[in-house]
Amino acid sequence: MKLYEIKTILKATVLCGEDKLDQNIVGGGAADLMDDILSAVAKDAVFLTGVNTEEALRAAKLAGVAATVMVRGKKPGQAIVDLATSFDMPVLLTDYSLFVACGRLYMNGLRGLDGSW
């Protein structure tokens, strides 16, 4: 699935990384607890979270995710935008809850890389 399809499915806005919307996303994962982020996502996947902190973005970078989607209408500060830009990581924003956002992506064919998401 392409990132622009995820943007459409989630009715998301692009915070940064507009030039990356054509990249292929191989799967997805979601977490709000910092301990779960590294186990919830994988390389070239999309990461969905309600946590809009630098730590969450750094964990996503460590995991090698292709993009991050912040849910529940969270609006991160400029420090997050700057960090995501420095990581060359697209960040999208959606008003959907984490549960609904994951469900919408699943219903449209995006799966977790371990088959359980």
Protein backbone atom coordinates (compact mmCIF):
# COMPACT_ATOMS: atom_id res chain seq x y z
CA MET A 1 0.00 0.00 0.00
CA LYS A 2 1.27 3.48 -0.79
CA LEU A 3 1.50 6.15 1.88
CA TYR A 4 -0.87 8.40 -0.08
CA GLU A 5 -3.50 5.63 0.21
CA ILE A 6 -3.04 5.60 3.98
CA LYS A 7 -3.44 9.38 3.97
CA THR A 8 -6.72 9.03 2.07
CA ILE A 9 -8.08 6.14 4.18
CA LEU A 10 -7.36 8.01 7.41
CA LYS A 11 -8.45 11.41 6.06
CA ALA A 12 -5.07 12.57 7.32
CA THR A 13 -3.10 15.73 6.85
CA VAL A 14 0.62 15.67 6.22
CA LEU A 15 2.68 17.40 8.87
CA CYS A 16 5.95 16.78 7.03
CA GLY A 17 7.22 14.49 4.28
CA GLU A 18 4.76 15.39 1.54
CA ASP A 19 7.39 14.28 -1.00
CA LYS A 20 7.35 10.73 0.43
CA LEU A 21 3.67 9.93 -0.16
CA ASP A 22 4.48 7.61 -3.07
CA GLN A 23 6.57 5.23 -0.97
CA ASN A 24 5.40 1.68 -0.40
CA ILE A 25 4.30 0.68 3.10
CA VAL A 26 4.75 -3.03 3.84
CA GLY A 27 2.63 -3.27 6.99
CA GLY A 28 1.67 -1.45 10.12
CA GLY A 29 1.69 -1.39 13.87
CA ALA A 30 0.35 0.71 16.70
CA ALA A 31 1.35 1.53 20.26
CA ASP A 32 0.95 4.24 22.86
CA LEU A 33 3.24 2.76 25.50
CA MET A 34 6.91 3.47 24.93
CA ASP A 35 7.86 -0.10 25.86
CA ASP A 36 5.66 -1.44 23.08
CA ILE A 37 6.77 0.78 20.21
CA LEU A 38 9.81 -1.24 19.16
CA SER A 39 7.85 -4.50 19.26
CA ALA A 40 4.78 -3.06 17.51
CA VAL A 41 6.39 -1.88 14.30
CA ALA A 42 8.99 -2.94 11.78
CA LYS A 43 11.14 -1.56 9.00
CA ASP A 44 9.22 0.14 6.19
CA ALA A 45 5.92 -0.06 8.09
CA VAL A 46 3.60 2.71 9.22
CA PHE A 47 3.50 3.43 12.94
CA LEU A 48 0.26 4.70 14.50
CA THR A 49 0.31 6.34 17.91
CA GLY A 50 -1.43 8.82 20.14
CA VAL A 51 1.91 9.80 21.68
CA ASN A 52 3.32 12.97 20.19
CA THR A 53 6.68 13.16 21.90
CA GLU A 54 10.24 13.22 20.64
CA GLU A 55 10.83 9.88 22.37
CA ALA A 56 8.09 8.18 20.35
CA LEU A 57 9.54 9.56 17.13
CA ARG A 58 13.05 8.46 18.10
CA ALA A 59 11.78 4.93 18.85
CA ALA A 60 10.05 4.88 15.46
CA LYS A 61 13.31 5.93 13.83
CA LEU A 62 15.18 3.14 15.65
CA ALA A 63 12.60 0.65 14.38
CA GLY A 64 13.12 1.92 10.82
CA VAL A 65 9.47 2.76 10.16
CA ALA A 66 8.60 4.48 6.92
CA ALA A 67 6.07 6.91 8.41
CA THR A 68 4.30 7.85 11.63
CA VAL A 69 0.60 8.65 12.01
CA MET A 70 -0.49 10.54 15.10
CA VAL A 71 -4.10 9.84 15.99
CA ARG A 72 -6.88 11.44 18.05
CA GLY A 73 -6.28 14.87 16.53
CA LYS A 74 -2.99 15.28 18.36
CA LYS A 75 -1.07 18.32 17.16
CA PRO A 76 2.65 17.99 17.89
CA GLY A 77 4.85 21.00 18.51
CA GLN A 78 7.53 22.41 16.26
CA ALA A 79 10.23 20.27 17.91
CA ILE A 80 8.48 17.13 16.60
CA VAL A 81 8.21 18.60 13.10
CA ASP A 82 11.90 19.51 13.14
CA LEU A 83 12.92 16.09 14.41
CA ALA A 84 10.78 14.23 11.86
CA THR A 85 12.19 16.43 9.10
CA SER A 86 15.74 15.68 10.24
CA PHE A 87 14.87 11.96 10.21
CA ASP A 88 13.32 12.34 6.73
CA MET A 89 10.24 10.61 8.19
CA PRO A 90 6.75 11.58 7.06
CA VAL A 91 4.32 12.38 9.86
CA LEU A 92 0.57 12.35 9.24
CA LEU A 93 -2.21 13.52 11.53
CA THR A 94 -5.70 12.01 11.76
CA ASP A 95 -8.68 12.72 13.95
CA TYR A 96 -9.56 9.02 14.17
CA SER A 97 -8.87 7.14 17.40
CA LEU A 98 -6.08 4.58 17.39
CA PHE A 99 -8.61 1.75 17.31
CA VAL A 100 -10.59 3.18 14.39
CA ALA A 101 -7.48 4.16 12.42
CA CYS A 102 -6.06 0.64 12.72
CA GLY A 103 -9.42 -0.86 11.78
CA ARG A 104 -9.75 1.34 8.70
CA LEU A 105 -6.29 0.36 7.50
CA TYR A 106 -6.94 -3.33 8.20
CA MET A 107 -10.26 -3.22 6.33
CA ASN A 108 -8.40 -1.77 3.36
CA GLY A 109 -5.80 -4.53 3.26
CA LEU A 110 -2.89 -3.31 5.40
CA ARG A 111 -1.66 -5.99 7.80
CA GLY A 112 0.81 -6.27 10.63
CA LEU A 113 4.06 -7.85 9.60
CA ASP A 114 3.59 -10.70 12.08
CA GLY A 115 0.08 -11.35 10.82
CA SER A 116 -1.58 -10.46 14.11
CA TRP A 117 -2.35 -6.76 13.59
